[in-house]
Amino acid sequence: MKIGETNKSPRPADSLKLHHIGFVVSSIEESAASFAQFLGASWDGQIFTDPLQKVRVSFFESPNTRDSKIELVEPAERGSPVTRFLERGGGLHHLCYEVEDPESHLESCKSLGIIILRAPVRAVAFGGRRIAWVITKKKLLVEFLER
């Protein structure tokens, strides 16, 4: 696209707000101190186990309240969707954006050729708000969180 041209391709139905960036680790407890120190973030020690996602997750808050959160994710059981990723070294895993209406947002994603990996399901770590998962043509894994 040249400078001054507009992108006329379809866009998702609503605005996106980056909620968190997810990292896969072998152990939240063993990784927490180094993540908090490096990021200058605070960690409340709370870990959520999500049986639907088969993961344990925990969040770090930046001193700047406008910053997105950092999420550590570890497999909670055999067959967890993050196990293979961890076997390849773990690390940066996904971006999570808040959206108003997950279903209509997923419809917009489909129109862009984005693959829907998981339709909206309730998530323990977000007080029952729904999450959905997609992967782009360029292999970017994205989680959508109901606002």
C-alpha atoms as a PDB file:
ATOM      1  CA  MET A   1       0.000   0.000   0.000  1.00  0.00           C
ATOM      2  CA  LYS A   2       1.321   3.446  -0.921  1.00  0.00           C
ATOM      3  CA  ILE A   3       1.405   6.424   1.412  1.00  0.00           C
ATOM      4  CA  GLY A   4      -1.952   8.176   1.387  1.00  0.00           C
ATOM      5  CA  GLU A   5      -3.918   5.103   0.226  1.00  0.00           C
ATOM      6  CA  THR A   6      -6.547   3.631   2.501  1.00  0.00           C
ATOM      7  CA  ASN A   7      -6.926  -0.020   3.293  1.00  0.00           C
ATOM      8  CA  LYS A   8     -10.338  -1.035   1.895  1.00  0.00           C
ATOM      9  CA  SER A   9     -10.249  -4.627   3.132  1.00  0.00           C
ATOM     10  CA  PRO A  10     -12.912  -5.769   5.627  1.00  0.00           C
ATOM     11  CA  ARG A  11     -12.215  -4.894   9.255  1.00  0.00           C
ATOM     12  CA  PRO A  12     -13.316  -6.557  12.467  1.00  0.00           C
ATOM     13  CA  ALA A  13     -16.666  -5.321  13.726  1.00  0.00           C
ATOM     14  CA  ASP A  14     -15.458  -3.433  16.772  1.00  0.00           C
ATOM     15  CA  SER A  15     -12.391  -1.743  18.147  1.00  0.00           C
ATOM     16  CA  LEU A  16      -9.708  -3.852  19.758  1.00  0.00           C
ATOM     17  CA  LYS A  17      -7.992  -3.156  23.050  1.00  0.00           C
ATOM     18  CA  LEU A  18      -4.880  -5.148  23.932  1.00  0.00           C
ATOM     19  CA  HIS A  19      -5.634  -6.844  27.250  1.00  0.00           C
ATOM     20  CA  HIS A  20      -2.571  -9.036  27.728  1.00  0.00           C
ATOM     21  CA  ILE A  21       0.374 -10.790  26.151  1.00  0.00           C
ATOM     22  CA  GLY A  22       0.686 -14.483  26.969  1.00  0.00           C
ATOM     23  CA  PHE A  23       3.892 -16.416  27.610  1.00  0.00           C
ATOM     24  CA  VAL A  24       4.044 -20.195  28.012  1.00  0.00           C
ATOM     25  CA  VAL A  25       6.296 -21.398  30.829  1.00  0.00           C
ATOM     26  CA  SER A  26       6.934 -24.756  32.462  1.00  0.00           C
ATOM     27  CA  SER A  27       6.152 -23.419  35.939  1.00  0.00           C
ATOM     28  CA  ILE A  28       4.440 -20.183  36.924  1.00  0.00           C
ATOM     29  CA  GLU A  29       5.879 -20.363  40.428  1.00  0.00           C
ATOM     30  CA  GLU A  30       9.438 -20.797  39.148  1.00  0.00           C
ATOM     31  CA  SER A  31       9.101 -18.029  36.529  1.00  0.00           C
ATOM     32  CA  ALA A  32       7.127 -15.407  38.435  1.00  0.00           C
ATOM     33  CA  ALA A  33       9.944 -13.655  40.301  1.00  0.00           C
ATOM     34  CA  SER A  34      12.124 -13.181  37.226  1.00  0.00           C
ATOM     35  CA  PHE A  35       9.202 -11.925  35.105  1.00  0.00           C
ATOM     36  CA  ALA A  36       8.124  -9.470  37.807  1.00  0.00           C
ATOM     37  CA  GLN A  37      11.663  -8.184  38.323  1.00  0.00           C
ATOM     38  CA  PHE A  38      12.454  -7.800  34.629  1.00  0.00           C
ATOM     39  CA  LEU A  39       9.137  -6.118  33.825  1.00  0.00           C
ATOM     40  CA  GLY A  40       9.031  -3.992  36.952  1.00  0.00           C
ATOM     41  CA  ALA A  41       5.593  -5.516  37.449  1.00  0.00           C
ATOM     42  CA  SER A  42       3.706  -6.684  40.481  1.00  0.00           C
ATOM     43  CA  TRP A  43       2.368 -10.193  40.987  1.00  0.00           C
ATOM     44  CA  ASP A  44      -0.322 -11.017  43.523  1.00  0.00           C
ATOM     45  CA  GLY A  45       0.491 -14.739  43.501  1.00  0.00           C
ATOM     46  CA  GLN A  46      -2.979 -15.680  42.276  1.00  0.00           C
ATOM     47  CA  ILE A  47      -3.016 -18.630  39.874  1.00  0.00           C
ATOM     48  CA  PHE A  48      -6.168 -19.745  38.074  1.00  0.00           C
ATOM     49  CA  THR A  49      -6.704 -23.299  36.863  1.00  0.00           C
ATOM     50  CA  ASP A  50      -8.966 -23.485  33.833  1.00  0.00           C
ATOM     51  CA  PRO A  51     -10.184 -27.046  33.233  1.00  0.00           C
ATOM     52  CA  LEU A  52     -11.709 -26.172  29.830  1.00  0.00           C
ATOM     53  CA  GLN A  53      -8.424 -24.744  28.549  1.00  0.00           C
ATOM     54  CA  LYS A  54      -6.345 -27.318  30.485  1.00  0.00           C
ATOM     55  CA  VAL A  55      -3.986 -24.577  31.679  1.00  0.00           C
ATOM     56  CA  ARG A  56      -2.946 -22.649  34.770  1.00  0.00           C
ATOM     57  CA  VAL A  57      -2.592 -18.892  34.306  1.00  0.00           C
ATOM     58  CA  SER A  58      -1.438 -15.893  36.299  1.00  0.00           C
ATOM     59  CA  PHE A  59      -1.252 -12.178  35.529  1.00  0.00           C
ATOM     60  CA  PHE A  60       1.295  -9.427  36.146  1.00  0.00           C
ATOM     61  CA  GLU A  61       0.389  -5.745  36.459  1.00  0.00           C
ATOM     62  CA  SER A  62       2.613  -2.920  35.282  1.00  0.00           C
ATOM     63  CA  PRO A  63       3.065   0.136  37.494  1.00  0.00           C
ATOM     64  CA  ASN A  64       1.514   2.069  34.595  1.00  0.00           C
ATOM     65  CA  THR A  65      -2.184   1.144  34.786  1.00  0.00           C
ATOM     66  CA  ARG A  66      -2.636   1.893  31.074  1.00  0.00           C
ATOM     67  CA  ASP A  67      -0.233  -0.895  30.105  1.00  0.00           C
ATOM     68  CA  SER A  68      -1.514  -4.309  29.079  1.00  0.00           C
ATOM     69  CA  LYS A  69      -1.046  -7.220  31.444  1.00  0.00           C
ATOM     70  CA  ILE A  70       1.418 -10.064  31.050  1.00  0.00           C
ATOM     71  CA  GLU A  71       0.026 -13.577  31.422  1.00  0.00           C
ATOM     72  CA  LEU A  72       2.041 -16.659  32.285  1.00  0.00           C
ATOM     73  CA  VAL A  73       0.495 -19.901  31.050  1.00  0.00           C
ATOM     74  CA  GLU A  74       1.506 -23.419  31.997  1.00  0.00           C
ATOM     75  CA  PRO A  75      -0.006 -26.785  31.109  1.00  0.00           C
ATOM     76  CA  ALA A  76      -2.360 -27.981  33.849  1.00  0.00           C
ATOM     77  CA  GLU A  77      -2.590 -31.540  32.618  1.00  0.00           C
ATOM     78  CA  ARG A  78      -1.523 -33.945  29.945  1.00  0.00           C
ATOM     79  CA  GLY A  79      -3.010 -32.990  26.597  1.00  0.00           C
ATOM     80  CA  SER A  80      -3.008 -29.272  27.332  1.00  0.00           C
ATOM     81  CA  PRO A  81      -3.074 -27.169  24.157  1.00  0.00           C
ATOM     82  CA  VAL A  82       0.176 -25.468  25.241  1.00  0.00           C
ATOM     83  CA  THR A  83       2.186 -28.641  25.908  1.00  0.00           C
ATOM     84  CA  ARG A  84       3.628 -28.941  22.392  1.00  0.00           C
ATOM     85  CA  PHE A  85       4.488 -25.248  22.369  1.00  0.00           C
ATOM     86  CA  LEU A  86       6.329 -25.680  25.681  1.00  0.00           C
ATOM     87  CA  GLU A  87       8.186 -28.735  24.324  1.00  0.00           C
ATOM     88  CA  ARG A  88       9.533 -26.455  21.569  1.00  0.00           C
ATOM     89  CA  GLY A  89      10.864 -24.021  24.174  1.00  0.00           C
ATOM     90  CA  GLY A  90       7.810 -22.020  25.256  1.00  0.00           C
ATOM     91  CA  GLY A  91       7.942 -18.235  25.351  1.00  0.00           C
ATOM     92  CA  LEU A  92       5.805 -15.617  23.645  1.00  0.00           C
ATOM     93  CA  HIS A  93       2.568 -17.387  22.757  1.00  0.00           C
ATOM     94  CA  HIS A  94      -0.360 -15.072  22.035  1.00  0.00           C
ATOM     95  CA  LEU A  95      -1.920 -11.630  22.106  1.00  0.00           C
ATOM     96  CA  CYS A  96      -5.291 -11.119  23.772  1.00  0.00           C
ATOM     97  CA  TYR A  97      -7.675  -8.352  22.741  1.00  0.00           C
ATOM     98  CA  GLU A  98     -10.899  -7.308  24.405  1.00  0.00           C
ATOM     99  CA  VAL A  99     -13.947  -7.130  22.121  1.00  0.00           C
ATOM    100  CA  GLU A 100     -17.567  -6.167  22.753  1.00  0.00           C
ATOM    101  CA  ASP A 101     -19.228  -9.098  21.012  1.00  0.00           C
ATOM    102  CA  PRO A 102     -17.098 -12.201  20.419  1.00  0.00           C
ATOM    103  CA  GLU A 103     -19.523 -13.807  17.960  1.00  0.00           C
ATOM    104  CA  SER A 104     -19.769 -10.811  15.627  1.00  0.00           C
ATOM    105  CA  HIS A 105     -16.029 -10.275  15.918  1.00  0.00           C
ATOM    106  CA  LEU A 106     -15.388 -13.873  14.863  1.00  0.00           C
ATOM    107  CA  GLU A 107     -17.686 -13.376  11.864  1.00  0.00           C
ATOM    108  CA  SER A 108     -15.540 -10.415  10.817  1.00  0.00           C
ATOM    109  CA  CYS A 109     -12.423 -12.531  11.274  1.00  0.00           C
ATOM    110  CA  LYS A 110     -13.870 -15.254   9.023  1.00  0.00           C
ATOM    111  CA  SER A 111     -14.432 -12.674   6.291  1.00  0.00           C
ATOM    112  CA  LEU A 112     -10.688 -11.914   6.458  1.00  0.00           C
ATOM    113  CA  GLY A 113      -9.757 -15.583   6.072  1.00  0.00           C
ATOM    114  CA  ILE A 114      -8.725 -15.977   9.710  1.00  0.00           C
ATOM    115  CA  ILE A 115      -9.122 -19.500  11.105  1.00  0.00           C
ATOM    116  CA  ILE A 116     -11.376 -19.871  14.154  1.00  0.00           C
ATOM    117  CA  LEU A 117      -9.722 -22.308  16.557  1.00  0.00           C
ATOM    118  CA  ARG A 118     -12.251 -22.098  19.379  1.00  0.00           C
ATOM    119  CA  ALA A 119     -15.693 -20.545  19.602  1.00  0.00           C
ATOM    120  CA  PRO A 120     -16.440 -18.451  22.715  1.00  0.00           C
ATOM    121  CA  VAL A 121     -16.327 -20.320  26.048  1.00  0.00           C
ATOM    122  CA  ARG A 122     -16.446 -19.043  29.618  1.00  0.00           C
ATOM    123  CA  ALA A 123     -13.039 -18.550  31.261  1.00  0.00           C
ATOM    124  CA  VAL A 124     -12.237 -19.009  34.941  1.00  0.00           C
ATOM    125  CA  ALA A 125      -9.467 -16.381  34.967  1.00  0.00           C
ATOM    126  CA  PHE A 126     -11.840 -13.693  33.697  1.00  0.00           C
ATOM    127  CA  GLY A 127     -14.770 -14.215  36.034  1.00  0.00           C
ATOM    128  CA  GLY A 128     -16.803 -16.115  33.457  1.00  0.00           C
ATOM    129  CA  ARG A 129     -16.295 -13.676  30.595  1.00  0.00           C
ATOM    130  CA  ARG A 130     -15.993 -15.555  27.330  1.00  0.00           C
ATOM    131  CA  ILE A 131     -12.842 -16.088  25.290  1.00  0.00           C
ATOM    132  CA  ALA A 132     -12.342 -17.275  21.715  1.00  0.00           C
ATOM    133  CA  TRP A 133      -9.212 -18.212  19.780  1.00  0.00           C
ATOM    134  CA  VAL A 134      -8.123 -17.558  16.192  1.00  0.00           C
ATOM    135  CA  ILE A 135      -4.969 -17.912  14.137  1.00  0.00           C
ATOM    136  CA  THR A 136      -4.095 -15.632  11.252  1.00  0.00           C
ATOM    137  CA  LYS A 137      -2.661 -16.643   7.895  1.00  0.00           C
ATOM    138  CA  LYS A 138       0.750 -15.488   9.190  1.00  0.00           C
ATOM    139  CA  LYS A 139       0.449 -17.802  12.246  1.00  0.00           C
ATOM    140  CA  LEU A 140      -0.336 -15.118  14.840  1.00  0.00           C
ATOM    141  CA  LEU A 141      -2.335 -16.714  17.659  1.00  0.00           C
ATOM    142  CA  VAL A 142      -4.935 -14.317  19.055  1.00  0.00           C
ATOM    143  CA  GLU A 143      -7.315 -14.669  21.966  1.00  0.00           C
ATOM    144  CA  PHE A 144     -10.436 -12.494  22.094  1.00  0.00           C
ATOM    145  CA  LEU A 145     -11.833 -11.661  25.518  1.00  0.00           C
ATOM    146  CA  GLU A 146     -15.381 -10.457  26.005  1.00  0.00           C
ATOM    147  CA  ARG A 147     -15.238  -6.877  27.335  1.00  0.00           C
END
